Protein backbone atom coordinates (compact mmCIF):
# COMPACT_ATOMS: atom_id res chain seq x y z
CA MET A 1 -14.07 6.98 -17.45
CA PHE A 2 -14.43 3.29 -19.60
CA SER A 3 -11.44 1.42 -20.78
CA ALA A 4 -11.51 -0.54 -23.96
CA GLU A 5 -12.50 -3.65 -21.99
CA LYS A 6 -15.60 -1.50 -20.60
CA GLU A 7 -14.25 -1.40 -17.07
CA LYS A 8 -15.29 1.66 -15.47
CA VAL A 9 -13.53 4.10 -12.98
CA ASP A 10 -15.26 6.93 -11.55
CA PHE A 11 -13.95 10.29 -11.19
CA VAL A 12 -12.93 11.33 -7.65
CA ASP A 13 -14.64 14.77 -8.30
CA GLU A 14 -16.37 16.52 -10.72
CA VAL A 15 -15.17 18.51 -13.65
CA ASN A 16 -17.32 21.33 -14.90
CA PRO A 17 -16.76 22.73 -18.34
CA ASN A 18 -19.16 25.64 -17.89
CA ASP A 19 -17.49 29.01 -18.82
CA LYS A 20 -14.02 27.67 -19.64
CA ASN A 21 -12.03 27.32 -23.05
CA VAL A 22 -12.08 23.61 -24.27
CA GLU A 23 -8.28 23.53 -23.64
CA ASP A 24 -8.74 24.53 -20.07
CA TRP A 25 -11.64 22.03 -18.94
CA MET A 26 -9.94 19.30 -21.20
CA ASN A 27 -6.74 19.69 -19.16
CA GLU A 28 -8.93 19.38 -16.12
CA VAL A 29 -10.38 16.20 -17.47
CA GLU A 30 -6.93 14.85 -17.97
CA GLY A 31 -5.87 15.78 -14.53
CA MET A 32 -8.91 14.20 -13.20
CA MET A 33 -8.49 10.86 -14.91
CA CYS A 34 -4.69 10.67 -13.41
CA GLN A 35 -6.10 11.65 -9.90
CA SER A 36 -8.83 8.95 -10.27
CA ILE A 37 -6.66 6.23 -11.41
CA ARG A 38 -4.18 7.08 -8.60
CA TRP A 39 -7.06 6.83 -6.13
CA GLU A 40 -8.18 3.44 -7.38
CA LEU A 41 -4.85 1.93 -7.35
CA ARG A 42 -4.00 3.04 -3.90
CA ASN A 43 -7.60 1.65 -2.77
CA SER A 44 -6.87 -1.55 -4.52
CA VAL A 45 -3.54 -1.90 -2.84
CA ASP A 46 -5.12 -1.00 0.62
CA LYS A 47 -7.89 -3.56 0.24
CA TYR A 48 -5.62 -6.53 -0.86
CA PRO A 49 -5.03 -7.77 2.72
CA GLU A 50 -8.52 -7.80 3.93
CA THR A 51 -10.09 -9.37 0.67
CA LYS A 52 -9.71 -12.95 -0.75
CA ARG A 53 -7.43 -12.66 -3.79
CA THR A 54 -9.92 -14.20 -6.15
CA GLN A 55 -12.55 -11.53 -5.14
CA TRP A 56 -10.09 -8.80 -5.03
CA THR A 57 -9.05 -9.46 -8.61
CA CYS A 58 -12.93 -8.91 -9.56
CA ASN A 59 -13.44 -5.76 -7.55
CA HIS A 60 -10.72 -3.49 -9.26
CA PRO A 61 -9.75 -2.44 -12.78
CA GLY A 62 -7.26 -4.93 -14.55
CA GLN A 63 -4.46 -2.27 -14.51
CA CYS A 64 -4.85 -1.71 -10.86
CA ILE A 65 -4.90 -5.56 -10.14
CA LEU A 66 -1.61 -5.80 -12.23
CA ASN A 67 0.18 -2.91 -10.25
CA GLY A 68 -1.26 -4.04 -6.96
CA SER A 69 -0.14 -7.49 -7.45
CA GLN A 70 3.52 -6.36 -8.12
CA VAL A 71 3.35 -4.21 -4.83
CA TRP A 72 2.04 -6.92 -2.70
CA TRP A 73 4.36 -9.63 -4.34
CA THR A 74 7.31 -7.36 -3.43
CA THR A 75 6.17 -6.83 -0.06
CA LEU A 76 5.51 -10.47 0.76
CA VAL A 77 8.61 -11.81 -0.77
CA GLU A 78 10.81 -9.52 1.31
CA GLU A 79 8.90 -10.58 4.45
CA ALA A 80 9.44 -14.37 3.40
CA ILE A 81 13.34 -13.56 2.92
CA ALA A 82 13.50 -11.78 6.30
CA ARG A 83 11.56 -14.88 7.66
CA LYS A 84 13.56 -17.30 5.80
CA ASP A 85 10.51 -19.00 4.57
CA ILE A 86 10.63 -18.63 0.63
CA ARG A 87 8.88 -21.91 0.53
CA GLY A 88 6.19 -20.90 2.53
CA TYR A 89 5.67 -18.04 0.41
CA PHE A 90 5.85 -20.27 -2.82
CA ALA A 91 3.06 -22.45 -1.49
CA LEU A 92 0.72 -19.44 -0.71
CA SER A 93 1.53 -18.03 -4.38
CA THR A 94 0.84 -21.35 -5.91
CA GLU A 95 -2.42 -21.69 -3.91
CA GLN A 96 -3.43 -18.24 -4.95
CA LEU A 97 -2.68 -18.76 -8.75
CA ASN A 98 -4.53 -22.06 -8.51
CA ASP A 99 -7.69 -20.45 -7.08
CA LEU A 100 -7.57 -17.82 -9.74
CA VAL A 101 -7.27 -20.53 -12.60
């Protein structure tokens, strides 16, 4: 799949249109699109802790970055609250944003 911004997401499996009605294989394409985006989002979330954020943003589609960032923001804020270290997380966030700029 290609977005309007030319980002590419590969299907996780092939869709074979042979010997099928157009409605059936188009439904399979739609299902594969959802499955592939779900896989890519999960992959981007899983890769976040092991990849520098500036590189992470370049390695994954934009919508996965937006969603994955929110997953990790929530996780890290909850951990900072539990540690009573909001200022420490603020400093990390500021550093990451400055790196991206």
